[in-house]
Amino acid sequence: MRQLAEKMQIAPESLSRAINGNPQLSTIQSIASNLNVEVADLFHSSLDPNDLTAIVVFRGKTLVTNNINSLIDFAAEIKESLQSEKITEYDINGKYHAK
């Protein structure tokens, strides 16, 4: 950790706080850059079934699951529903209205 902090030109304590706290995107990008990896490579990419608990409510339909495949299937249903109404991701993140 000390070597990475030196490469980033920050105190090891600052790096430790960033990693163990809620780091800003710029800090994560700097860590990845200094390690010569992509940002996504910094995060564990596989899910243990015990790592997931999801409660999703969409238009009165509720999914409660700890299964990643159930969550993916439900998300696909939501996406299909929105696409059939011509609602885009921009609308969801922005104003949310049918086109």
PDB file of N, CA and C in Angstrom:
ATOM      1  N   MET A   1       0.834  -1.186   0.000  1.00  0.00           N
ATOM      2  CA  MET A   1       0.000   0.000   0.000  1.00  0.00           C
ATOM      3  C   MET A   1       0.879   1.251   0.000  1.00  0.00           C
ATOM      4  N   ARG A   2       1.981   1.177   0.714  1.00  0.00           N
ATOM      5  CA  ARG A   2       2.875   2.329   0.793  1.00  0.00           C
ATOM      6  C   ARG A   2       3.417   2.687  -0.597  1.00  0.00           C
ATOM      7  N   GLN A   3       3.788   1.666  -1.386  1.00  0.00           N
ATOM      8  CA  GLN A   3       4.327   1.920  -2.722  1.00  0.00           C
ATOM      9  C   GLN A   3       3.274   2.577  -3.622  1.00  0.00           C
ATOM     10  N   LEU A   4       2.045   2.102  -3.535  1.00  0.00           N
ATOM     11  CA  LEU A   4       0.970   2.690  -4.334  1.00  0.00           C
ATOM     12  C   LEU A   4       0.733   4.136  -3.917  1.00  0.00           C
ATOM     13  N   ALA A   5       0.709   4.388  -2.632  1.00  0.00           N
ATOM     14  CA  ALA A   5       0.523   5.760  -2.132  1.00  0.00           C
ATOM     15  C   ALA A   5       1.639   6.675  -2.641  1.00  0.00           C
ATOM     16  N   GLU A   6       2.853   6.156  -2.641  1.00  0.00           N
ATOM     17  CA  GLU A   6       3.977   6.953  -3.152  1.00  0.00           C
ATOM     18  C   GLU A   6       3.796   7.263  -4.628  1.00  0.00           C
ATOM     19  N   LYS A   7       3.372   6.265  -5.418  1.00  0.00           N
ATOM     20  CA  LYS A   7       3.130   6.490  -6.847  1.00  0.00           C
ATOM     21  C   LYS A   7       2.037   7.528  -7.068  1.00  0.00           C
ATOM     22  N   MET A   8       1.037   7.518  -6.176  1.00  0.00           N
ATOM     23  CA  MET A   8      -0.080   8.459  -6.295  1.00  0.00           C
ATOM     24  C   MET A   8       0.271   9.815  -5.683  1.00  0.00           C
ATOM     25  N   GLN A   9       1.406   9.882  -5.018  1.00  0.00           N
ATOM     26  CA  GLN A   9       1.875  11.094  -4.352  1.00  0.00           C
ATOM     27  C   GLN A   9       0.907  11.550  -3.257  1.00  0.00           C
ATOM     28  N   ILE A  10       0.459  10.569  -2.467  1.00  0.00           N
ATOM     29  CA  ILE A  10      -0.379  10.864  -1.308  1.00  0.00           C
ATOM     30  C   ILE A  10       0.143  10.069  -0.120  1.00  0.00           C
ATOM     31  N   ALA A  11      -0.266  10.466   1.062  1.00  0.00           N
ATOM     32  CA  ALA A  11       0.148   9.761   2.272  1.00  0.00           C
ATOM     33  C   ALA A  11      -0.528   8.392   2.328  1.00  0.00           C
ATOM     34  N   PRO A  12       0.189   7.369   2.805  1.00  0.00           N
ATOM     35  CA  PRO A  12      -0.415   6.038   2.930  1.00  0.00           C
ATOM     36  C   PRO A  12      -1.706   6.062   3.744  1.00  0.00           C
ATOM     37  N   GLU A  13      -1.753   6.916   4.764  1.00  0.00           N
ATOM     38  CA  GLU A  13      -2.960   7.008   5.589  1.00  0.00           C
ATOM     39  C   GLU A  13      -4.147   7.513   4.764  1.00  0.00           C
ATOM     40  N   SER A  14      -3.879   8.440   3.852  1.00  0.00           N
ATOM     41  CA  SER A  14      -4.947   8.968   2.998  1.00  0.00           C
ATOM     42  C   SER A  14      -5.475   7.887   2.062  1.00  0.00           C
ATOM     43  N   LEU A  15      -4.566   7.098   1.515  1.00  0.00           N
ATOM     44  CA  LEU A  15      -4.979   6.002   0.637  1.00  0.00           C
ATOM     45  C   LEU A  15      -5.791   4.984   1.421  1.00  0.00           C
ATOM     46  N   SER A  16      -5.344   4.661   2.606  1.00  0.00           N
ATOM     47  CA  SER A  16      -6.062   3.707   3.444  1.00  0.00           C
ATOM     48  C   SER A  16      -7.474   4.192   3.754  1.00  0.00           C
ATOM     49  N   ARG A  17      -7.599   5.482   4.101  1.00  0.00           N
ATOM     50  CA  ARG A  17      -8.929   6.040   4.390  1.00  0.00           C
ATOM     51  C   ARG A  17      -9.824   5.987   3.152  1.00  0.00           C
ATOM     52  N   ALA A  18      -9.239   6.274   1.988  1.00  0.00           N
ATOM     53  CA  ALA A  18     -10.020   6.251   0.752  1.00  0.00           C
ATOM     54  C   ALA A  18     -10.511   4.845   0.436  1.00  0.00           C
ATOM     55  N   ILE A  19      -9.644   3.869   0.602  1.00  0.00           N
ATOM     56  CA  ILE A  19     -10.013   2.485   0.290  1.00  0.00           C
ATOM     57  C   ILE A  19     -11.048   1.960   1.273  1.00  0.00           C
ATOM     58  N   ASN A  20     -10.893   2.273   2.538  1.00  0.00           N
ATOM     59  CA  ASN A  20     -11.788   1.742   3.564  1.00  0.00           C
ATOM     60  C   ASN A  20     -13.037   2.576   3.771  1.00  0.00           C
ATOM     61  N   GLY A  21     -13.095   3.729   3.145  1.00  0.00           N
ATOM     62  CA  GLY A  21     -14.259   4.602   3.287  1.00  0.00           C
ATOM     63  C   GLY A  21     -15.097   4.587   2.030  1.00  0.00           C
ATOM     64  N   ASN A  22     -15.461   5.765   1.595  1.00  0.00           N
ATOM     65  CA  ASN A  22     -16.282   5.929   0.401  1.00  0.00           C
ATOM     66  C   ASN A  22     -15.492   6.800  -0.579  1.00  0.00           C
ATOM     67  N   PRO A  23     -14.564   6.189  -1.349  1.00  0.00           N
ATOM     68  CA  PRO A  23     -13.672   6.984  -2.182  1.00  0.00           C
ATOM     69  C   PRO A  23     -14.392   7.669  -3.335  1.00  0.00           C
ATOM     70  N   GLN A  24     -13.840   8.786  -3.746  1.00  0.00           N
ATOM     71  CA  GLN A  24     -14.361   9.483  -4.910  1.00  0.00           C
ATOM     72  C   GLN A  24     -13.922   8.734  -6.158  1.00  0.00           C
ATOM     73  N   LEU A  25     -14.679   8.928  -7.244  1.00  0.00           N
ATOM     74  CA  LEU A  25     -14.353   8.269  -8.500  1.00  0.00           C
ATOM     75  C   LEU A  25     -12.933   8.619  -8.938  1.00  0.00           C
ATOM     76  N   SER A  26     -12.525   9.860  -8.756  1.00  0.00           N
ATOM     77  CA  SER A  26     -11.176  10.264  -9.171  1.00  0.00           C
ATOM     78  C   SER A  26     -10.104   9.473  -8.418  1.00  0.00           C
ATOM     79  N   THR A  27     -10.355   9.159  -7.161  1.00  0.00           N
ATOM     80  CA  THR A  27      -9.403   8.355  -6.385  1.00  0.00           C
ATOM     81  C   THR A  27      -9.348   6.939  -6.921  1.00  0.00           C
ATOM     82  N   ILE A  28     -10.503   6.375  -7.218  1.00  0.00           N
ATOM     83  CA  ILE A  28     -10.556   5.016  -7.778  1.00  0.00           C
ATOM     84  C   ILE A  28      -9.842   4.980  -9.125  1.00  0.00           C
ATOM     85  N   GLN A  29     -10.064   5.994  -9.948  1.00  0.00           N
ATOM     86  CA  GLN A  29      -9.409   6.057 -11.252  1.00  0.00           C
ATOM     87  C   GLN A  29      -7.897   6.179 -11.096  1.00  0.00           C
ATOM     88  N   SER A  30      -7.459   6.955 -10.134  1.00  0.00           N
ATOM     89  CA  SER A  30      -6.027   7.113  -9.892  1.00  0.00           C
ATOM     90  C   SER A  30      -5.404   5.806  -9.414  1.00  0.00           C
ATOM     91  N   ILE A  31      -6.085   5.105  -8.542  1.00  0.00           N
ATOM     92  CA  ILE A  31      -5.591   3.801  -8.068  1.00  0.00           C
ATOM     93  C   ILE A  31      -5.448   2.854  -9.256  1.00  0.00           C
ATOM     94  N   ALA A  32      -6.487   2.765 -10.072  1.00  0.00           N
ATOM     95  CA  ALA A  32      -6.452   1.869 -11.231  1.00  0.00           C
ATOM     96  C   ALA A  32      -5.330   2.251 -12.182  1.00  0.00           C
ATOM     97  N   SER A  33      -5.208   3.534 -12.449  1.00  0.00           N
ATOM     98  CA  SER A  33      -4.165   4.016 -13.362  1.00  0.00           C
ATOM     99  C   SER A  33      -2.772   3.661 -12.850  1.00  0.00           C
ATOM    100  N   ASN A  34      -2.550   3.864 -11.565  1.00  0.00           N
ATOM    101  CA  ASN A  34      -1.236   3.579 -10.992  1.00  0.00           C
ATOM    102  C   ASN A  34      -0.936   2.092 -10.881  1.00  0.00           C
ATOM    103  N   LEU A  35      -1.971   1.277 -10.888  1.00  0.00           N
ATOM    104  CA  LEU A  35      -1.787  -0.180 -10.888  1.00  0.00           C
ATOM    105  C   LEU A  35      -1.795  -0.752 -12.305  1.00  0.00           C
ATOM    106  N   ASN A  36      -2.028   0.142 -13.301  1.00  0.00           N
ATOM    107  CA  ASN A  36      -2.114  -0.272 -14.707  1.00  0.00           C
ATOM    108  C   ASN A  36      -3.214  -1.303 -14.946  1.00  0.00           C
ATOM    109  N   VAL A  37      -4.378  -1.047 -14.345  1.00  0.00           N
ATOM    110  CA  VAL A  37      -5.546  -1.908 -14.545  1.00  0.00           C
ATOM    111  C   VAL A  37      -6.754  -1.024 -14.836  1.00  0.00           C
ATOM    112  N   GLU A  38      -7.817  -1.644 -15.306  1.00  0.00           N
ATOM    113  CA  GLU A  38      -9.074  -0.928 -15.499  1.00  0.00           C
ATOM    114  C   GLU A  38      -9.762  -0.766 -14.149  1.00  0.00           C
ATOM    115  N   VAL A  39     -10.606   0.250 -14.027  1.00  0.00           N
ATOM    116  CA  VAL A  39     -11.342   0.482 -12.782  1.00  0.00           C
ATOM    117  C   VAL A  39     -12.136  -0.767 -12.398  1.00  0.00           C
ATOM    118  N   ALA A  40     -12.772  -1.396 -13.371  1.00  0.00           N
ATOM    119  CA  ALA A  40     -13.588  -2.588 -13.086  1.00  0.00           C
ATOM    120  C   ALA A  40     -12.768  -3.714 -12.473  1.00  0.00           C
ATOM    121  N   ASP A  41     -11.474  -3.761 -12.814  1.00  0.00           N
ATOM    122  CA  ASP A  41     -10.613  -4.814 -12.274  1.00  0.00           C
ATOM    123  C   ASP A  41     -10.376  -4.675 -10.776  1.00  0.00           C
ATOM    124  N   LEU A  42     -10.673  -3.504 -10.232  1.00  0.00           N
ATOM    125  CA  LEU A  42     -10.479  -3.283  -8.798  1.00  0.00           C
ATOM    126  C   LEU A  42     -11.580  -3.923  -7.956  1.00  0.00           C
ATOM    127  N   PHE A  43     -12.655  -4.324  -8.607  1.00  0.00           N
ATOM    128  CA  PHE A  43     -13.813  -4.839  -7.884  1.00  0.00           C
ATOM    129  C   PHE A  43     -13.979  -6.325  -8.141  1.00  0.00           C
ATOM    130  N   HIS A  44     -14.387  -7.033  -7.115  1.00  0.00           N
ATOM    131  CA  HIS A  44     -14.630  -8.461  -7.206  1.00  0.00           C
ATOM    132  C   HIS A  44     -15.743  -8.687  -8.220  1.00  0.00           C
ATOM    133  N   SER A  45     -15.491  -9.527  -9.214  1.00  0.00           N
ATOM    134  CA  SER A  45     -16.440  -9.653 -10.321  1.00  0.00           C
ATOM    135  C   SER A  45     -17.414 -10.812 -10.193  1.00  0.00           C
ATOM    136  N   SER A  46     -17.216 -11.713  -9.257  1.00  0.00           N
ATOM    137  CA  SER A  46     -18.155 -12.822  -9.140  1.00  0.00           C
ATOM    138  C   SER A  46     -18.972 -12.678  -7.866  1.00  0.00           C
ATOM    139  N   LEU A  47     -20.207 -13.076  -7.972  1.00  0.00           N
ATOM    140  CA  LEU A  47     -21.107 -12.975  -6.823  1.00  0.00           C
ATOM    141  C   LEU A  47     -21.254 -14.327  -6.148  1.00  0.00           C
ATOM    142  N   ASP A  48     -21.090 -14.346  -4.879  1.00  0.00           N
ATOM    143  CA  ASP A  48     -21.431 -15.497  -4.079  1.00  0.00           C
ATOM    144  C   ASP A  48     -22.920 -15.360  -3.799  1.00  0.00           C
ATOM    145  N   PRO A  49     -23.692 -16.407  -3.943  1.00  0.00           N
ATOM    146  CA  PRO A  49     -25.135 -16.292  -3.713  1.00  0.00           C
ATOM    147  C   PRO A  49     -25.492 -15.667  -2.371  1.00  0.00           C
ATOM    148  N   ASN A  50     -24.625 -15.826  -1.392  1.00  0.00           N
ATOM    149  CA  ASN A  50     -24.894 -15.249  -0.082  1.00  0.00           C
ATOM    150  C   ASN A  50     -24.616 -13.753  -0.025  1.00  0.00           C
ATOM    151  N   ASP A  51     -24.006 -13.197  -1.084  1.00  0.00           N
ATOM    152  CA  ASP A  51     -23.682 -11.778  -1.124  1.00  0.00           C
ATOM    153  C   ASP A  51     -24.840 -10.925  -1.631  1.00  0.00           C
ATOM    154  N   LEU A  52     -25.908 -11.532  -2.087  1.00  0.00           N
ATOM    155  CA  LEU A  52     -26.973 -10.787  -2.734  1.00  0.00           C
ATOM    156  C   LEU A  52     -28.284 -10.900  -1.968  1.00  0.00           C
ATOM    157  N   THR A  53     -28.865  -9.763  -1.690  1.00  0.00           N
ATOM    158  CA  THR A  53     -30.230  -9.680  -1.199  1.00  0.00           C
ATOM    159  C   THR A  53     -30.862  -8.528  -1.960  1.00  0.00           C
ATOM    160  N   ALA A  54     -31.936  -8.812  -2.684  1.00  0.00           N
ATOM    161  CA  ALA A  54     -32.554  -7.771  -3.509  1.00  0.00           C
ATOM    162  C   ALA A  54     -34.047  -7.701  -3.255  1.00  0.00           C
ATOM    163  N   ILE A  55     -34.519  -6.489  -3.130  1.00  0.00           N
ATOM    164  CA  ILE A  55     -35.952  -6.212  -3.072  1.00  0.00           C
ATOM    165  C   ILE A  55     -36.200  -5.142  -4.125  1.00  0.00           C
ATOM    166  N   VAL A  56     -36.953  -5.503  -5.140  1.00  0.00           N
ATOM    167  CA  VAL A  56     -37.233  -4.580  -6.227  1.00  0.00           C
ATOM    168  C   VAL A  56     -38.743  -4.500  -6.399  1.00  0.00           C
ATOM    169  N   VAL A  57     -39.244  -3.274  -6.429  1.00  0.00           N
ATOM    170  CA  VAL A  57     -40.669  -3.061  -6.663  1.00  0.00           C
ATOM    171  C   VAL A  57     -40.790  -2.241  -7.941  1.00  0.00           C
ATOM    172  N   PHE A  58     -41.536  -2.776  -8.894  1.00  0.00           N
ATOM    173  CA  PHE A  58     -41.759  -2.078 -10.151  1.00  0.00           C
ATOM    174  C   PHE A  58     -43.233  -2.173 -10.497  1.00  0.00           C
ATOM    175  N   ARG A  59     -43.883  -1.029 -10.456  1.00  0.00           N
ATOM    176  CA  ARG A  59     -45.296  -0.929 -10.809  1.00  0.00           C
ATOM    177  C   ARG A  59     -46.158  -1.969 -10.086  1.00  0.00           C
ATOM    178  N   GLY A  60     -45.926  -2.067  -8.794  1.00  0.00           N
ATOM    179  CA  GLY A  60     -46.761  -2.945  -7.974  1.00  0.00           C
ATOM    180  C   GLY A  60     -46.318  -4.393  -7.933  1.00  0.00           C
ATOM    181  N   LYS A  61     -45.370  -4.771  -8.761  1.00  0.00           N
ATOM    182  CA  LYS A  61     -44.849  -6.136  -8.744  1.00  0.00           C
ATOM    183  C   LYS A  61     -43.565  -6.132  -7.929  1.00  0.00           C
ATOM    184  N   THR A  62     -43.477  -7.025  -6.947  1.00  0.00           N
ATOM    185  CA  THR A  62     -42.335  -7.051  -6.042  1.00  0.00           C
ATOM    186  C   THR A  62     -41.537  -8.330  -6.231  1.00  0.00           C
ATOM    187  N   LEU A  63     -40.233  -8.167  -6.309  1.00  0.00           N
ATOM    188  CA  LEU A  63     -39.319  -9.295  -6.345  1.00  0.00           C
ATOM    189  C   LEU A  63     -38.473  -9.238  -5.085  1.00  0.00           C
ATOM    190  N   VAL A  64     -38.442 -10.327  -4.354  1.00  0.00           N
ATOM    191  CA  VAL A  64     -37.547 -10.474  -3.209  1.00  0.00           C
ATOM    192  C   VAL A  64     -36.727 -11.718  -3.499  1.00  0.00           C
ATOM    193  N   THR A  65     -35.403 -11.544  -3.630  1.00  0.00           N
ATOM    194  CA  THR A  65     -34.574 -12.682  -4.020  1.00  0.00           C
ATOM    195  C   THR A  65     -33.170 -12.564  -3.478  1.00  0.00           C
ATOM    196  N   ASN A  66     -32.492 -13.689  -3.430  1.00  0.00           N
ATOM    197  CA  ASN A  66     -31.059 -13.718  -3.160  1.00  0.00           C
ATOM    198  C   ASN A  66     -30.357 -14.455  -4.295  1.00  0.00           C
ATOM    199  N   ASN A  67     -31.046 -14.535  -5.437  1.00  0.00           N
ATOM    200  CA  ASN A  67     -30.542 -15.247  -6.599  1.00  0.00           C
ATOM    201  C   ASN A  67     -30.271 -14.261  -7.724  1.00  0.00           C
ATOM    202  N   ILE A  68     -29.029 -14.208  -8.196  1.00  0.00           N
ATOM    203  CA  ILE A  68     -28.649 -13.248  -9.225  1.00  0.00           C
ATOM    204  C   ILE A  68     -29.430 -13.463 -10.514  1.00  0.00           C
ATOM    205  N   ASN A  69     -29.706 -14.705 -10.861  1.00  0.00           N
ATOM    206  CA  ASN A  69     -30.434 -14.973 -12.104  1.00  0.00           C
ATOM    207  C   ASN A  69     -31.869 -14.453 -12.038  1.00  0.00           C
ATOM    208  N   SER A  70     -32.495 -14.560 -10.883  1.00  0.00           N
ATOM    209  CA  SER A  70     -33.843 -14.006 -10.720  1.00  0.00           C
ATOM    210  C   SER A  70     -33.823 -12.489 -10.874  1.00  0.00           C
ATOM    211  N   LEU A  71     -32.797 -11.864 -10.309  1.00  0.00           N
ATOM    212  CA  LEU A  71     -32.667 -10.416 -10.413  1.00  0.00           C
ATOM    213  C   LEU A  71     -32.452  -9.989 -11.867  1.00  0.00           C
ATOM    214  N   ILE A  72     -31.596 -10.696 -12.575  1.00  0.00           N
ATOM    215  CA  ILE A  72     -31.342 -10.390 -13.988  1.00  0.00           C
ATOM    216  C   ILE A  72     -32.610 -10.572 -14.809  1.00  0.00           C
ATOM    217  N   ASP A  73     -33.345 -11.648 -14.568  1.00  0.00           N
ATOM    218  CA  ASP A  73     -34.593 -11.889 -15.294  1.00  0.00           C
ATOM    219  C   ASP A  73     -35.615 -10.786 -15.033  1.00  0.00           C
ATOM    220  N   PHE A  74     -35.728 -10.358 -13.779  1.00  0.00           N
ATOM    221  CA  PHE A  74     -36.684  -9.308 -13.437  1.00  0.00           C
ATOM    222  C   PHE A  74     -36.277  -7.986 -14.078  1.00  0.00           C
ATOM    223  N   ALA A  75     -34.981  -7.707 -14.074  1.00  0.00           N
ATOM    224  CA  ALA A  75     -34.488  -6.485 -14.724  1.00  0.00           C
ATOM    225  C   ALA A  75     -34.786  -6.519 -16.219  1.00  0.00           C
ATOM    226  N   ALA A  76     -34.660  -7.683 -16.832  1.00  0.00           N
ATOM    227  CA  ALA A  76     -34.975  -7.814 -18.261  1.00  0.00           C
ATOM    228  C   ALA A  76     -36.462  -7.561 -18.512  1.00  0.00           C
ATOM    229  N   GLU A  77     -37.320  -8.057 -17.620  1.00  0.00           N
ATOM    230  CA  GLU A  77     -38.765  -7.788 -17.740  1.00  0.00           C
ATOM    231  C   GLU A  77     -39.049  -6.299 -17.654  1.00  0.00           C
ATOM    232  N   ILE A  78     -38.398  -5.628 -16.733  1.00  0.00           N
ATOM    233  CA  ILE A  78     -38.583  -4.182 -16.576  1.00  0.00           C
ATOM    234  C   ILE A  78     -38.116  -3.464 -17.835  1.00  0.00           C
ATOM    235  N   LYS A  79     -36.952  -3.836 -18.333  1.00  0.00           N
ATOM    236  CA  LYS A  79     -36.417  -3.196 -19.534  1.00  0.00           C
ATOM    237  C   LYS A  79     -37.350  -3.395 -20.719  1.00  0.00           C
ATOM    238  N   GLU A  80     -37.852  -4.604 -20.882  1.00  0.00           N
ATOM    239  CA  GLU A  80     -38.779  -4.900 -21.983  1.00  0.00           C
ATOM    240  C   GLU A  80     -40.053  -4.077 -21.850  1.00  0.00           C
ATOM    241  N   SER A  81     -40.557  -3.961 -20.647  1.00  0.00           N
ATOM    242  CA  SER A  81     -41.766  -3.171 -20.398  1.00  0.00           C
ATOM    243  C   SER A  81     -41.539  -1.709 -20.763  1.00  0.00           C
ATOM    244  N   LEU A  82     -40.410  -1.182 -20.345  1.00  0.00           N
ATOM    245  CA  LEU A  82     -40.106   0.222 -20.634  1.00  0.00           C
ATOM    246  C   LEU A  82     -39.877   0.451 -22.117  1.00  0.00           C
ATOM    247  N   GLN A  83     -39.204  -0.490 -22.761  1.00  0.00           N
ATOM    248  CA  GLN A  83     -38.962  -0.352 -24.197  1.00  0.00           C
ATOM    249  C   GLN A  83     -40.269  -0.397 -24.986  1.00  0.00           C
ATOM    250  N   SER A  84     -41.199  -1.234 -24.553  1.00  0.00           N
ATOM    251  CA  SER A  84     -42.479  -1.314 -25.259  1.00  0.00           C
ATOM    252  C   SER A  84     -43.258  -0.010 -25.129  1.00  0.00           C
ATOM    253  N   GLU A  85     -42.964   0.745 -24.089  1.00  0.00           N
ATOM    254  CA  GLU A  85     -43.600   2.055 -23.892  1.00  0.00           C
ATOM    255  C   GLU A  85     -42.747   3.177 -24.465  1.00  0.00           C
ATOM    256  N   LYS A  86     -41.630   2.790 -25.108  1.00  0.00           N
ATOM    257  CA  LYS A  86     -40.700   3.752 -25.702  1.00  0.00           C
ATOM    258  C   LYS A  86     -40.113   4.706 -24.658  1.00  0.00           C
ATOM    259  N   ILE A  87     -39.861   4.163 -23.477  1.00  0.00           N
ATOM    260  CA  ILE A  87     -39.207   4.934 -22.416  1.00  0.00           C
ATOM    261  C   ILE A  87     -37.729   4.586 -22.472  1.00  0.00           C
ATOM    262  N   THR A  88     -36.888   5.592 -22.592  1.00  0.00           N
ATOM    263  CA  THR A  88     -35.448   5.368 -22.728  1.00  0.00           C
ATOM    264  C   THR A  88     -34.754   5.474 -21.377  1.00  0.00           C
ATOM    265  N   GLU A  89     -33.481   5.041 -21.354  1.00  0.00           N
ATOM    266  CA  GLU A  89     -32.694   5.172 -20.131  1.00  0.00           C
ATOM    267  C   GLU A  89     -32.540   6.640 -19.761  1.00  0.00           C
ATOM    268  N   TYR A  90     -32.434   7.523 -20.763  1.00  0.00           N
ATOM    269  CA  TYR A  90     -32.338   8.951 -20.469  1.00  0.00           C
ATOM    270  C   TYR A  90     -33.585   9.410 -19.727  1.00  0.00           C
ATOM    271  N   ASP A  91     -34.729   8.933 -20.167  1.00  0.00           N
ATOM    272  CA  ASP A  91     -35.973   9.331 -19.512  1.00  0.00           C
ATOM    273  C   ASP A  91     -35.976   8.880 -18.053  1.00  0.00           C
ATOM    274  N   ILE A  92     -35.478   7.684 -17.813  1.00  0.00           N
ATOM    275  CA  ILE A  92     -35.456   7.160 -16.446  1.00  0.00           C
ATOM    276  C   ILE A  92     -34.512   7.989 -15.582  1.00  0.00           C
ATOM    277  N   ASN A  93     -33.339   8.280 -16.123  1.00  0.00           N
ATOM    278  CA  ASN A  93     -32.357   9.060 -15.358  1.00  0.00           C
ATOM    279  C   ASN A  93     -32.689  10.531 -15.334  1.00  0.00           C
ATOM    280  N   GLY A  94     -33.476  10.969 -16.281  1.00  0.00           N
ATOM    281  CA  GLY A  94     -33.806  12.377 -16.368  1.00  0.00           C
ATOM    282  C   GLY A  94     -35.256  12.638 -16.003  1.00  0.00           C
ATOM    283  N   LYS A  95     -36.081  12.788 -17.014  1.00  0.00           N
ATOM    284  CA  LYS A  95     -37.441  13.252 -16.778  1.00  0.00           C
ATOM    285  C   LYS A  95     -38.497  12.160 -16.656  1.00  0.00           C
ATOM    286  N   TYR A  96     -38.230  10.952 -17.155  1.00  0.00           N
ATOM    287  CA  TYR A  96     -39.157   9.822 -17.125  1.00  0.00           C
ATOM    288  C   TYR A  96     -40.520  10.154 -17.727  1.00  0.00           C
ATOM    289  N   HIS A  97     -40.607  10.045 -19.012  1.00  0.00           N
ATOM    290  CA  HIS A  97     -41.875  10.212 -19.708  1.00  0.00           C
ATOM    291  C   HIS A  97     -41.879   9.363 -20.967  1.00  0.00           C
ATOM    292  N   ALA A  98     -43.049   8.946 -21.380  1.00  0.00           N
ATOM    293  CA  ALA A  98     -43.190   8.152 -22.581  1.00  0.00           C
ATOM    294  C   ALA A  98     -42.984   9.024 -23.796  1.00  0.00           C
ATOM    295  N   LYS A  99     -42.373   8.473 -24.827  1.00  0.00           N
ATOM    296  CA  LYS A  99     -42.137   9.238 -26.060  1.00  0.00           C
ATOM    297  C   LYS A  99     -43.139   8.834 -27.109  1.00  0.00           C
TER     298      LYS A  99
END
